[in-house]
N, C-alpha and C. Protein backbone atom coordinates (compact mmCIF):
# COMPACT_ATOMS: atom_id res chain seq x y z
N UNK A 1 3.72 -18.73 49.93
CA UNK A 1 2.72 -18.81 50.98
C UNK A 1 1.51 -19.59 50.47
N UNK A 2 1.07 -20.56 51.26
CA UNK A 2 -0.05 -21.39 50.83
C UNK A 2 -1.34 -20.58 50.87
N UNK A 3 -2.16 -20.76 49.84
CA UNK A 3 -3.42 -20.03 49.70
C UNK A 3 -4.33 -20.20 50.91
N UNK A 4 -4.42 -21.41 51.46
CA UNK A 4 -5.36 -21.68 52.54
C UNK A 4 -5.00 -20.98 53.85
N UNK A 5 -3.76 -20.51 53.99
CA UNK A 5 -3.39 -19.79 55.20
C UNK A 5 -4.16 -18.48 55.34
N UNK A 6 -4.59 -17.92 54.22
CA UNK A 6 -5.27 -16.63 54.28
C UNK A 6 -6.58 -16.71 55.06
N UNK A 7 -7.14 -17.90 55.21
CA UNK A 7 -8.37 -18.06 56.00
C UNK A 7 -8.12 -17.84 57.49
N UNK A 8 -6.84 -17.90 57.92
CA UNK A 8 -6.53 -17.77 59.34
C UNK A 8 -5.63 -16.59 59.67
N UNK A 9 -5.20 -15.86 58.66
CA UNK A 9 -4.33 -14.72 58.89
C UNK A 9 -5.13 -13.52 59.41
N UNK A 10 -4.54 -12.80 60.35
CA UNK A 10 -5.18 -11.61 60.90
C UNK A 10 -4.25 -10.41 60.76
N UNK A 11 -4.82 -9.23 60.88
CA UNK A 11 -4.05 -8.00 60.71
C UNK A 11 -3.12 -7.78 61.90
N UNK A 12 -1.83 -7.65 61.69
CA UNK A 12 -0.91 -7.43 62.82
C UNK A 12 -1.09 -6.07 63.47
N UNK A 13 -1.71 -5.13 62.76
CA UNK A 13 -1.95 -3.80 63.32
C UNK A 13 -3.24 -3.76 64.13
N UNK A 14 -4.31 -4.36 63.59
CA UNK A 14 -5.63 -4.25 64.22
C UNK A 14 -5.93 -5.38 65.20
N UNK A 15 -5.21 -6.50 65.10
CA UNK A 15 -5.40 -7.57 66.06
C UNK A 15 -6.13 -8.77 65.48
N UNK A 16 -6.24 -9.83 66.28
CA UNK A 16 -6.77 -11.10 65.78
C UNK A 16 -8.25 -11.09 65.44
N UNK A 17 -8.97 -10.03 65.75
CA UNK A 17 -10.38 -9.96 65.38
C UNK A 17 -10.57 -9.57 63.92
N UNK A 18 -9.51 -9.14 63.26
CA UNK A 18 -9.63 -8.61 61.91
C UNK A 18 -8.82 -9.46 60.93
N UNK A 19 -9.54 -10.15 60.04
CA UNK A 19 -8.87 -10.99 59.05
C UNK A 19 -8.33 -10.17 57.89
N UNK A 20 -7.57 -10.84 57.04
CA UNK A 20 -6.97 -10.20 55.88
C UNK A 20 -7.58 -10.76 54.60
N UNK A 21 -7.61 -9.92 53.58
CA UNK A 21 -8.17 -10.29 52.28
C UNK A 21 -7.03 -10.36 51.27
N UNK A 22 -6.97 -11.47 50.54
CA UNK A 22 -5.89 -11.71 49.61
C UNK A 22 -6.20 -11.15 48.22
N UNK A 23 -5.20 -10.47 47.65
CA UNK A 23 -5.18 -10.17 46.22
C UNK A 23 -3.98 -10.90 45.63
N UNK A 24 -4.26 -11.94 44.88
CA UNK A 24 -3.18 -12.76 44.32
C UNK A 24 -2.88 -12.31 42.90
N UNK A 25 -1.66 -11.84 42.66
CA UNK A 25 -1.23 -11.44 41.33
C UNK A 25 -0.57 -12.59 40.57
N UNK A 26 0.05 -13.50 41.32
CA UNK A 26 0.73 -14.63 40.69
C UNK A 26 0.67 -15.83 41.63
N UNK A 27 0.20 -16.97 41.10
CA UNK A 27 0.08 -18.18 41.91
C UNK A 27 0.59 -19.38 41.13
N UNK A 28 1.09 -20.37 41.88
CA UNK A 28 1.45 -21.66 41.31
C UNK A 28 1.09 -22.74 42.31
N UNK A 29 0.29 -23.70 41.86
CA UNK A 29 -0.08 -24.85 42.69
C UNK A 29 -0.57 -24.43 44.08
N UNK A 30 -1.50 -23.50 44.10
CA UNK A 30 -2.18 -23.02 45.31
C UNK A 30 -1.23 -22.27 46.25
N UNK A 31 -0.11 -21.81 45.73
CA UNK A 31 0.81 -21.01 46.53
C UNK A 31 0.88 -19.61 45.93
N UNK A 32 0.75 -18.61 46.80
CA UNK A 32 0.77 -17.21 46.37
C UNK A 32 2.23 -16.78 46.25
N UNK A 33 2.62 -16.40 45.05
CA UNK A 33 3.99 -15.96 44.79
C UNK A 33 4.12 -14.45 44.86
N UNK A 34 3.12 -13.74 44.36
CA UNK A 34 3.12 -12.28 44.40
C UNK A 34 1.68 -11.80 44.61
N UNK A 35 1.55 -10.72 45.37
CA UNK A 35 0.23 -10.16 45.63
C UNK A 35 0.26 -9.28 46.86
N UNK A 36 -0.87 -9.22 47.55
CA UNK A 36 -0.96 -8.40 48.76
C UNK A 36 -2.06 -8.94 49.65
N UNK A 37 -1.92 -8.68 50.96
CA UNK A 37 -2.93 -9.03 51.95
C UNK A 37 -3.44 -7.72 52.54
N UNK A 38 -4.73 -7.46 52.40
CA UNK A 38 -5.29 -6.19 52.83
C UNK A 38 -6.21 -6.33 54.02
N UNK A 39 -6.22 -5.29 54.87
CA UNK A 39 -7.10 -5.23 56.03
C UNK A 39 -8.23 -4.26 55.74
N UNK A 40 -9.47 -4.70 55.91
CA UNK A 40 -10.62 -3.83 55.65
C UNK A 40 -10.83 -2.81 56.76
N UNK A 41 -10.16 -3.00 57.89
CA UNK A 41 -10.32 -2.08 59.01
C UNK A 41 -9.35 -0.89 58.92
N UNK A 42 -8.04 -1.18 58.86
CA UNK A 42 -7.05 -0.10 58.81
C UNK A 42 -6.66 0.29 57.39
N UNK A 43 -7.10 -0.50 56.39
CA UNK A 43 -6.83 -0.26 54.98
C UNK A 43 -5.36 -0.43 54.60
N UNK A 44 -4.57 -1.01 55.48
CA UNK A 44 -3.17 -1.26 55.12
C UNK A 44 -3.11 -2.46 54.19
N UNK A 45 -2.06 -2.51 53.38
CA UNK A 45 -1.82 -3.64 52.49
C UNK A 45 -0.43 -4.19 52.77
N UNK A 46 -0.34 -5.50 52.94
CA UNK A 46 0.90 -6.16 53.28
C UNK A 46 1.37 -6.96 52.06
N UNK A 47 2.57 -6.67 51.54
CA UNK A 47 2.99 -7.28 50.28
C UNK A 47 3.40 -8.74 50.40
N UNK A 48 3.18 -9.46 49.33
CA UNK A 48 3.71 -10.82 49.15
C UNK A 48 4.59 -10.77 47.90
N UNK A 49 5.89 -11.03 48.08
CA UNK A 49 6.82 -10.98 46.96
C UNK A 49 7.68 -12.24 46.98
N UNK A 50 7.77 -12.89 45.83
CA UNK A 50 8.55 -14.13 45.72
C UNK A 50 8.16 -15.12 46.80
N UNK A 51 6.86 -15.23 47.04
CA UNK A 51 6.26 -16.19 47.99
C UNK A 51 6.52 -15.84 49.45
N UNK A 52 7.08 -14.68 49.73
CA UNK A 52 7.35 -14.25 51.10
C UNK A 52 6.37 -13.14 51.48
N UNK A 53 5.63 -13.34 52.57
CA UNK A 53 4.64 -12.36 53.02
C UNK A 53 5.25 -11.46 54.09
N UNK A 54 5.20 -10.15 53.85
CA UNK A 54 5.75 -9.17 54.79
C UNK A 54 4.59 -8.53 55.56
N UNK A 55 4.32 -9.06 56.76
CA UNK A 55 3.23 -8.56 57.57
C UNK A 55 3.73 -7.68 58.71
N UNK A 56 4.78 -6.94 58.46
CA UNK A 56 5.26 -5.96 59.43
C UNK A 56 4.47 -4.67 59.27
N UNK A 57 4.10 -4.07 60.38
CA UNK A 57 3.41 -2.79 60.30
C UNK A 57 4.40 -1.70 59.87
N UNK A 58 3.93 -0.66 59.18
CA UNK A 58 4.82 0.41 58.74
C UNK A 58 5.45 1.14 59.92
N UNK A 59 6.65 1.74 59.72
CA UNK A 59 7.44 1.72 58.49
C UNK A 59 8.19 0.41 58.34
N UNK A 60 8.13 -0.19 57.18
CA UNK A 60 8.70 -1.52 56.99
C UNK A 60 10.20 -1.46 56.71
N UNK A 61 10.63 -0.65 55.77
CA UNK A 61 12.05 -0.59 55.45
C UNK A 61 12.55 -1.89 54.87
N UNK A 62 13.87 -2.01 54.81
CA UNK A 62 14.48 -3.22 54.27
C UNK A 62 14.44 -4.35 55.29
N UNK A 63 14.46 -5.57 54.77
CA UNK A 63 14.49 -6.73 55.65
C UNK A 63 15.86 -6.83 56.33
N UNK A 64 15.88 -7.13 57.63
CA UNK A 64 17.16 -7.41 58.26
C UNK A 64 17.70 -8.72 57.72
N UNK A 65 18.98 -8.98 57.94
CA UNK A 65 19.54 -10.22 57.42
C UNK A 65 20.66 -10.73 58.28
N UNK A 66 21.03 -11.98 58.04
CA UNK A 66 22.23 -12.52 58.65
C UNK A 66 22.03 -13.43 59.82
N UNK A 67 20.90 -13.31 60.58
CA UNK A 67 20.79 -14.08 61.80
C UNK A 67 20.37 -15.52 61.54
N UNK A 68 19.51 -15.75 60.56
CA UNK A 68 18.98 -17.10 60.35
C UNK A 68 19.99 -18.04 59.69
N UNK A 69 21.02 -17.49 59.07
CA UNK A 69 22.04 -18.34 58.47
C UNK A 69 21.60 -18.96 57.16
N UNK A 70 22.17 -20.09 56.82
CA UNK A 70 21.89 -20.73 55.54
C UNK A 70 20.64 -21.59 55.67
N UNK A 71 19.95 -21.86 54.53
CA UNK A 71 18.75 -22.69 54.59
C UNK A 71 19.02 -24.07 55.19
N UNK A 72 18.01 -24.56 55.90
CA UNK A 72 18.12 -25.86 56.53
C UNK A 72 18.60 -25.74 57.96
N UNK A 73 18.38 -26.77 58.76
CA UNK A 73 18.77 -26.69 60.17
C UNK A 73 20.28 -26.71 60.33
N UNK A 74 20.78 -25.94 61.28
CA UNK A 74 22.20 -25.99 61.59
C UNK A 74 22.56 -27.36 62.17
N UNK A 75 21.59 -28.00 62.81
CA UNK A 75 21.81 -29.29 63.45
C UNK A 75 20.58 -30.17 63.22
N UNK A 76 20.65 -31.16 62.34
CA UNK A 76 19.48 -32.02 62.09
C UNK A 76 18.96 -32.69 63.35
N UNK A 77 19.84 -33.01 64.30
CA UNK A 77 19.38 -33.61 65.54
C UNK A 77 18.50 -32.64 66.32
N UNK A 78 18.86 -31.36 66.29
CA UNK A 78 18.05 -30.35 66.97
C UNK A 78 16.69 -30.21 66.29
N UNK A 79 16.68 -30.29 64.95
CA UNK A 79 15.41 -30.23 64.23
C UNK A 79 14.52 -31.42 64.58
N UNK A 80 15.12 -32.61 64.65
CA UNK A 80 14.35 -33.79 65.00
C UNK A 80 13.81 -33.73 66.42
N UNK A 81 14.61 -33.20 67.32
CA UNK A 81 14.16 -33.05 68.71
C UNK A 81 12.99 -32.08 68.79
N UNK A 82 13.08 -30.96 68.06
CA UNK A 82 11.99 -29.99 68.06
C UNK A 82 10.71 -30.62 67.51
N UNK A 83 10.84 -31.40 66.45
CA UNK A 83 9.66 -32.06 65.87
C UNK A 83 8.99 -32.97 66.90
N UNK A 84 9.78 -33.74 67.63
CA UNK A 84 9.21 -34.62 68.65
C UNK A 84 8.52 -33.81 69.74
N UNK A 85 9.15 -32.74 70.20
CA UNK A 85 8.56 -31.93 71.26
C UNK A 85 7.27 -31.24 70.82
N UNK A 86 7.16 -30.90 69.54
CA UNK A 86 5.93 -30.29 69.04
C UNK A 86 4.76 -31.28 69.07
N UNK A 87 5.06 -32.57 69.05
CA UNK A 87 4.02 -33.58 69.23
C UNK A 87 3.14 -33.80 68.03
N UNK A 88 3.60 -33.48 66.83
CA UNK A 88 2.81 -33.67 65.61
C UNK A 88 3.58 -34.63 64.70
N UNK A 89 3.03 -35.83 64.52
CA UNK A 89 3.70 -36.85 63.71
C UNK A 89 3.26 -36.80 62.26
N UNK A 90 2.05 -36.27 62.00
CA UNK A 90 1.54 -36.20 60.64
C UNK A 90 0.41 -35.18 60.59
N UNK A 91 0.03 -34.82 59.35
CA UNK A 91 -1.04 -33.86 59.15
C UNK A 91 -2.40 -34.51 59.23
N UNK A 92 -3.43 -33.71 58.98
CA UNK A 92 -3.36 -32.33 58.51
C UNK A 92 -3.11 -31.35 59.64
N UNK A 93 -2.82 -30.11 59.27
CA UNK A 93 -2.62 -29.07 60.26
C UNK A 93 -1.51 -28.13 59.85
N UNK A 94 -1.39 -27.05 60.63
CA UNK A 94 -0.38 -26.03 60.38
C UNK A 94 0.48 -25.86 61.61
N UNK A 95 1.80 -25.93 61.43
CA UNK A 95 2.76 -25.68 62.49
C UNK A 95 3.39 -24.31 62.26
N UNK A 96 3.75 -23.64 63.34
CA UNK A 96 4.38 -22.34 63.25
C UNK A 96 5.73 -22.38 63.96
N UNK A 97 6.78 -21.91 63.29
CA UNK A 97 8.11 -21.80 63.86
C UNK A 97 8.54 -20.35 63.79
N UNK A 98 8.91 -19.77 64.94
CA UNK A 98 9.16 -18.33 65.04
C UNK A 98 10.61 -18.08 65.43
N UNK A 99 11.25 -17.11 64.76
CA UNK A 99 12.62 -16.74 65.11
C UNK A 99 13.61 -17.82 64.71
N UNK A 100 14.56 -18.10 65.59
CA UNK A 100 15.60 -19.09 65.25
C UNK A 100 15.02 -20.47 65.00
N UNK A 101 13.86 -20.79 65.58
CA UNK A 101 13.22 -22.09 65.32
C UNK A 101 12.84 -22.25 63.86
N UNK A 102 12.65 -21.13 63.14
CA UNK A 102 12.21 -21.20 61.75
C UNK A 102 13.23 -21.83 60.82
N UNK A 103 14.49 -21.87 61.22
CA UNK A 103 15.50 -22.47 60.35
C UNK A 103 15.27 -23.97 60.18
N UNK A 104 14.47 -24.58 61.05
CA UNK A 104 14.18 -26.01 60.96
C UNK A 104 12.94 -26.31 60.12
N UNK A 105 12.34 -25.28 59.51
CA UNK A 105 11.04 -25.46 58.86
C UNK A 105 11.08 -26.49 57.74
N UNK A 106 12.06 -26.40 56.85
CA UNK A 106 12.10 -27.31 55.71
C UNK A 106 12.30 -28.76 56.15
N UNK A 107 13.15 -28.97 57.14
CA UNK A 107 13.40 -30.33 57.64
C UNK A 107 12.14 -30.90 58.26
N UNK A 108 11.46 -30.12 59.08
CA UNK A 108 10.25 -30.61 59.76
C UNK A 108 9.13 -30.85 58.76
N UNK A 109 9.00 -29.97 57.75
CA UNK A 109 7.97 -30.18 56.73
C UNK A 109 8.21 -31.47 55.97
N UNK A 110 9.45 -31.75 55.63
CA UNK A 110 9.77 -32.97 54.90
C UNK A 110 9.53 -34.21 55.75
N UNK A 111 9.78 -34.11 57.05
CA UNK A 111 9.67 -35.27 57.94
C UNK A 111 8.26 -35.50 58.45
N UNK A 112 7.35 -34.55 58.23
CA UNK A 112 6.00 -34.62 58.80
C UNK A 112 4.98 -34.54 57.68
N UNK A 113 4.52 -35.67 57.16
CA UNK A 113 3.62 -35.65 56.01
C UNK A 113 2.29 -34.96 56.32
N UNK A 114 1.83 -34.19 55.36
CA UNK A 114 0.50 -33.61 55.46
C UNK A 114 0.39 -32.31 56.21
N UNK A 115 1.50 -31.75 56.71
CA UNK A 115 1.43 -30.47 57.43
C UNK A 115 1.98 -29.35 56.57
N UNK A 116 1.54 -28.13 56.85
CA UNK A 116 2.14 -26.91 56.32
C UNK A 116 2.89 -26.27 57.48
N UNK A 117 4.13 -25.88 57.23
CA UNK A 117 4.94 -25.25 58.25
C UNK A 117 5.10 -23.77 57.90
N UNK A 118 4.68 -22.91 58.81
CA UNK A 118 4.87 -21.47 58.64
C UNK A 118 6.17 -21.08 59.33
N UNK A 119 7.09 -20.50 58.58
CA UNK A 119 8.38 -20.04 59.10
C UNK A 119 8.32 -18.52 59.22
N UNK A 120 8.31 -18.03 60.45
CA UNK A 120 8.10 -16.61 60.71
C UNK A 120 9.40 -15.97 61.18
N UNK A 121 10.11 -15.34 60.24
CA UNK A 121 11.36 -14.66 60.56
C UNK A 121 11.74 -13.82 59.36
N UNK A 122 12.08 -12.57 59.59
CA UNK A 122 12.39 -11.67 58.48
C UNK A 122 13.58 -12.14 57.66
N UNK A 123 14.53 -12.82 58.29
CA UNK A 123 15.71 -13.30 57.56
C UNK A 123 15.35 -14.27 56.43
N UNK A 124 14.21 -14.92 56.54
CA UNK A 124 13.85 -15.95 55.57
C UNK A 124 13.43 -15.38 54.23
N UNK A 125 13.34 -14.07 54.10
CA UNK A 125 12.99 -13.47 52.81
C UNK A 125 13.99 -13.86 51.73
N UNK A 126 15.24 -14.08 52.12
CA UNK A 126 16.29 -14.42 51.15
C UNK A 126 16.41 -15.92 50.91
N UNK A 127 15.66 -16.73 51.63
CA UNK A 127 15.77 -18.17 51.47
C UNK A 127 14.94 -18.65 50.28
N UNK A 128 15.33 -19.74 49.66
CA UNK A 128 14.52 -20.29 48.56
C UNK A 128 13.26 -20.97 49.10
N UNK A 129 12.33 -21.18 48.20
CA UNK A 129 11.11 -21.88 48.58
C UNK A 129 11.43 -23.33 48.92
N UNK A 130 10.63 -23.88 49.83
CA UNK A 130 10.74 -25.30 50.19
C UNK A 130 9.34 -25.89 50.22
N UNK A 131 9.22 -27.16 49.94
CA UNK A 131 7.91 -27.82 49.89
C UNK A 131 7.20 -27.72 51.23
N UNK A 132 5.94 -27.29 51.19
CA UNK A 132 5.06 -27.17 52.34
C UNK A 132 5.61 -26.25 53.43
N UNK A 133 6.34 -25.21 53.01
CA UNK A 133 6.81 -24.19 53.94
C UNK A 133 6.33 -22.83 53.43
N UNK A 134 5.67 -22.07 54.30
CA UNK A 134 5.25 -20.71 54.00
C UNK A 134 6.10 -19.75 54.81
N UNK A 135 6.82 -18.87 54.11
CA UNK A 135 7.73 -17.93 54.77
C UNK A 135 7.07 -16.57 54.94
N UNK A 136 7.27 -15.96 56.10
CA UNK A 136 6.71 -14.63 56.32
C UNK A 136 7.44 -13.93 57.46
N UNK A 137 7.21 -12.62 57.55
CA UNK A 137 7.67 -11.81 58.68
C UNK A 137 6.46 -11.09 59.24
N UNK A 138 6.52 -10.71 60.51
CA UNK A 138 5.39 -10.01 61.12
C UNK A 138 5.89 -9.11 62.24
N UNK A 139 5.15 -8.04 62.45
CA UNK A 139 5.40 -7.12 63.56
C UNK A 139 4.10 -6.39 63.82
N UNK A 140 3.64 -6.26 65.08
CA UNK A 140 4.36 -6.56 66.32
C UNK A 140 4.13 -7.97 66.88
N UNK A 141 3.22 -8.75 66.33
CA UNK A 141 2.93 -10.06 66.91
C UNK A 141 2.77 -11.12 65.84
N UNK A 142 2.09 -12.20 66.20
CA UNK A 142 1.86 -13.32 65.29
C UNK A 142 0.54 -13.09 64.56
N UNK A 143 0.55 -13.04 63.22
CA UNK A 143 -0.64 -12.63 62.46
C UNK A 143 -1.62 -13.77 62.17
N UNK A 144 -2.04 -14.49 63.22
CA UNK A 144 -3.00 -15.57 63.05
C UNK A 144 -4.11 -15.43 64.07
N UNK A 145 -5.28 -15.97 63.71
CA UNK A 145 -6.40 -15.99 64.65
C UNK A 145 -6.03 -16.80 65.89
N UNK A 146 -6.66 -16.49 66.99
CA UNK A 146 -6.41 -17.21 68.23
C UNK A 146 -6.83 -18.68 68.10
N UNK A 147 -6.03 -19.55 68.70
CA UNK A 147 -6.31 -20.99 68.77
C UNK A 147 -6.48 -21.62 67.39
N UNK A 148 -5.65 -21.23 66.43
CA UNK A 148 -5.83 -21.68 65.05
C UNK A 148 -4.70 -22.56 64.53
N UNK A 149 -3.61 -22.75 65.31
CA UNK A 149 -2.46 -23.50 64.82
C UNK A 149 -2.21 -24.74 65.67
N UNK A 150 -1.79 -25.80 65.03
CA UNK A 150 -1.69 -27.08 65.71
C UNK A 150 -0.54 -27.14 66.71
N UNK A 151 0.57 -26.45 66.44
CA UNK A 151 1.70 -26.40 67.36
C UNK A 151 2.56 -25.21 67.00
N UNK A 152 3.31 -24.72 68.00
CA UNK A 152 4.16 -23.54 67.79
C UNK A 152 5.52 -23.79 68.44
N UNK A 153 6.59 -23.52 67.68
CA UNK A 153 7.93 -23.49 68.23
C UNK A 153 8.43 -22.06 68.17
N UNK A 154 8.91 -21.52 69.28
CA UNK A 154 9.25 -20.10 69.34
C UNK A 154 10.60 -19.90 70.01
N UNK A 155 11.33 -18.93 69.51
CA UNK A 155 12.62 -18.54 70.06
C UNK A 155 12.39 -17.68 71.30
N UNK A 156 12.76 -18.20 72.48
CA UNK A 156 12.53 -17.48 73.72
C UNK A 156 13.29 -16.17 73.82
N UNK A 157 14.37 -16.03 73.04
CA UNK A 157 15.15 -14.80 73.07
C UNK A 157 14.37 -13.61 72.51
N UNK A 158 13.26 -13.87 71.81
CA UNK A 158 12.45 -12.78 71.26
C UNK A 158 11.71 -12.00 72.35
N UNK A 159 11.52 -12.61 73.52
CA UNK A 159 10.93 -11.89 74.63
C UNK A 159 9.52 -12.32 74.98
N UNK A 160 9.04 -11.81 76.10
CA UNK A 160 7.74 -12.18 76.65
C UNK A 160 6.57 -12.00 75.70
N UNK A 161 6.46 -10.87 74.97
CA UNK A 161 5.30 -10.71 74.09
C UNK A 161 5.14 -11.83 73.08
N UNK A 162 6.24 -12.38 72.59
CA UNK A 162 6.15 -13.45 71.61
C UNK A 162 5.76 -14.78 72.26
N UNK A 163 6.13 -15.00 73.49
CA UNK A 163 5.67 -16.20 74.20
C UNK A 163 4.16 -16.13 74.43
N UNK A 164 3.69 -14.97 74.82
CA UNK A 164 2.24 -14.78 75.01
C UNK A 164 1.50 -14.99 73.70
N UNK A 165 2.04 -14.47 72.62
CA UNK A 165 1.42 -14.65 71.31
C UNK A 165 1.40 -16.12 70.90
N UNK A 166 2.49 -16.83 71.16
CA UNK A 166 2.53 -18.25 70.83
C UNK A 166 1.44 -19.02 71.56
N UNK A 167 1.23 -18.69 72.84
CA UNK A 167 0.17 -19.33 73.61
C UNK A 167 -1.20 -18.97 73.07
N UNK A 168 -1.37 -17.76 72.59
CA UNK A 168 -2.66 -17.32 72.06
C UNK A 168 -3.07 -18.09 70.81
N UNK A 169 -2.12 -18.34 69.90
CA UNK A 169 -2.49 -18.91 68.60
C UNK A 169 -2.55 -20.43 68.60
N UNK A 170 -2.04 -21.10 69.64
CA UNK A 170 -2.04 -22.56 69.61
C UNK A 170 -3.44 -23.08 69.89
N UNK A 171 -3.82 -24.13 69.16
CA UNK A 171 -5.16 -24.70 69.27
C UNK A 171 -5.28 -25.60 70.49
N UNK A 172 -6.51 -25.93 70.91
CA UNK A 172 -6.69 -26.88 72.00
C UNK A 172 -5.96 -28.19 71.71
N UNK A 173 -5.29 -28.72 72.72
CA UNK A 173 -4.45 -29.92 72.67
C UNK A 173 -3.13 -29.69 71.95
N UNK A 174 -2.90 -28.49 71.44
CA UNK A 174 -1.64 -28.19 70.76
C UNK A 174 -0.56 -27.78 71.74
N UNK A 175 0.68 -27.88 71.29
CA UNK A 175 1.83 -27.58 72.14
C UNK A 175 2.55 -26.30 71.72
N UNK A 176 3.14 -25.65 72.71
CA UNK A 176 4.08 -24.55 72.49
C UNK A 176 5.44 -25.02 73.01
N UNK A 177 6.46 -24.94 72.15
CA UNK A 177 7.82 -25.30 72.54
C UNK A 177 8.67 -24.04 72.49
N UNK A 178 9.29 -23.70 73.60
CA UNK A 178 10.14 -22.51 73.68
C UNK A 178 11.60 -22.97 73.71
N UNK A 179 12.36 -22.51 72.73
CA UNK A 179 13.80 -22.78 72.67
C UNK A 179 14.55 -21.58 73.23
N UNK A 180 15.71 -21.81 73.81
CA UNK A 180 16.47 -20.72 74.46
C UNK A 180 15.57 -19.95 75.41
N UNK A 181 14.83 -20.70 76.22
CA UNK A 181 13.80 -20.12 77.08
C UNK A 181 14.42 -19.32 78.22
N UNK A 182 13.90 -18.13 78.49
CA UNK A 182 14.34 -17.39 79.67
C UNK A 182 13.83 -18.05 80.94
N UNK A 183 14.34 -17.63 82.08
CA UNK A 183 14.01 -18.28 83.35
C UNK A 183 12.52 -18.20 83.68
N UNK A 184 11.85 -17.15 83.22
CA UNK A 184 10.44 -16.98 83.56
C UNK A 184 9.49 -17.49 82.48
N UNK A 185 10.00 -18.25 81.50
CA UNK A 185 9.16 -18.69 80.39
C UNK A 185 7.97 -19.52 80.86
N UNK A 186 8.18 -20.43 81.80
CA UNK A 186 7.08 -21.25 82.29
C UNK A 186 5.99 -20.42 82.92
N UNK A 187 6.37 -19.44 83.72
CA UNK A 187 5.38 -18.57 84.37
C UNK A 187 4.63 -17.74 83.35
N UNK A 188 5.34 -17.26 82.32
CA UNK A 188 4.70 -16.47 81.27
C UNK A 188 3.66 -17.30 80.53
N UNK A 189 4.04 -18.53 80.16
CA UNK A 189 3.11 -19.39 79.43
C UNK A 189 1.90 -19.76 80.29
N UNK A 190 2.15 -20.07 81.56
CA UNK A 190 1.03 -20.40 82.45
C UNK A 190 0.08 -19.22 82.58
N UNK A 191 0.63 -18.03 82.68
CA UNK A 191 -0.20 -16.84 82.76
C UNK A 191 -0.98 -16.57 81.50
N UNK A 192 -0.48 -17.08 80.35
CA UNK A 192 -1.15 -16.90 79.07
C UNK A 192 -2.15 -18.00 78.77
N UNK A 193 -2.33 -18.94 79.70
CA UNK A 193 -3.40 -19.92 79.56
C UNK A 193 -3.02 -21.29 79.05
N UNK A 194 -1.71 -21.61 79.01
CA UNK A 194 -1.31 -22.96 78.63
C UNK A 194 -0.58 -23.61 79.81
N UNK A 195 -0.62 -24.94 79.85
CA UNK A 195 -0.07 -25.69 80.98
C UNK A 195 1.33 -26.19 80.66
N UNK A 196 2.27 -25.93 81.53
CA UNK A 196 3.64 -26.38 81.32
C UNK A 196 3.73 -27.88 81.55
N UNK A 197 4.24 -28.60 80.54
CA UNK A 197 4.39 -30.04 80.63
C UNK A 197 5.80 -30.44 81.06
N UNK A 198 6.78 -29.68 80.59
CA UNK A 198 8.17 -30.02 80.90
C UNK A 198 9.04 -28.78 80.77
N UNK A 199 10.07 -28.75 81.60
CA UNK A 199 11.05 -27.68 81.54
C UNK A 199 12.41 -28.28 81.85
N UNK A 200 13.30 -28.20 80.86
CA UNK A 200 14.63 -28.77 81.04
C UNK A 200 15.65 -27.87 80.38
N UNK A 201 16.58 -27.38 81.15
CA UNK A 201 17.58 -26.47 80.60
C UNK A 201 16.93 -25.24 80.04
N UNK A 202 17.17 -24.97 78.76
CA UNK A 202 16.61 -23.80 78.10
C UNK A 202 15.46 -24.15 77.18
N UNK A 203 14.78 -25.27 77.44
CA UNK A 203 13.63 -25.69 76.65
C UNK A 203 12.43 -25.87 77.57
N UNK A 204 11.30 -25.27 77.17
CA UNK A 204 10.04 -25.39 77.90
C UNK A 204 8.97 -25.88 76.93
N UNK A 205 8.18 -26.87 77.35
CA UNK A 205 7.08 -27.39 76.55
C UNK A 205 5.79 -27.18 77.33
N UNK A 206 4.80 -26.58 76.67
CA UNK A 206 3.50 -26.34 77.30
C UNK A 206 2.41 -26.77 76.33
N UNK A 207 1.19 -26.94 76.82
CA UNK A 207 0.07 -27.38 76.00
C UNK A 207 -1.20 -26.70 76.44
N UNK A 208 -2.08 -26.49 75.46
CA UNK A 208 -3.42 -25.98 75.78
C UNK A 208 -4.32 -27.16 76.07
N UNK A 209 -4.96 -27.15 77.22
CA UNK A 209 -5.81 -28.27 77.61
C UNK A 209 -7.12 -28.29 76.87
């Protein structure tokens, strides 16, 4: 996990008004390999182990596994299409990929100079590190301040709360791309304050004006 992300991380239990404080036990090249992220409000501590941040609220238990598959995109063409829809050709900035979209993180980071890609999915705990990719899990929502991320790609199968969260964290002029979008995804995003730009099949693209 990149050190600078801690400036925008918020407590998943207390909400986006409450930031997290980093205790770094082991770092390499500005990346936190082991440590903890603490909330001064609820006093919970969220572990960082082997560069993976576990921001799930208790009880945490073991990480689920198996859904994300092997590292790297299952389909490079799909990864390239997602990158184009996100509308970010180069950095600086932070992109967020949630759920099944997170499997494209390493490909998009390599193809997009100057960006940090946050891959948010519990399955990624078992994946190796990749350049400019920060892996984490979170529950119940997205642990970032509102309007703080340049673009978000989200798995629509995760449900309405995650679409609303994606709209909350995207910055002005940033895009939200929903993959495997449910029929009401456009209405959900519009209700959450972003404007739908395109809807085709199971993909919806929206932007904050």
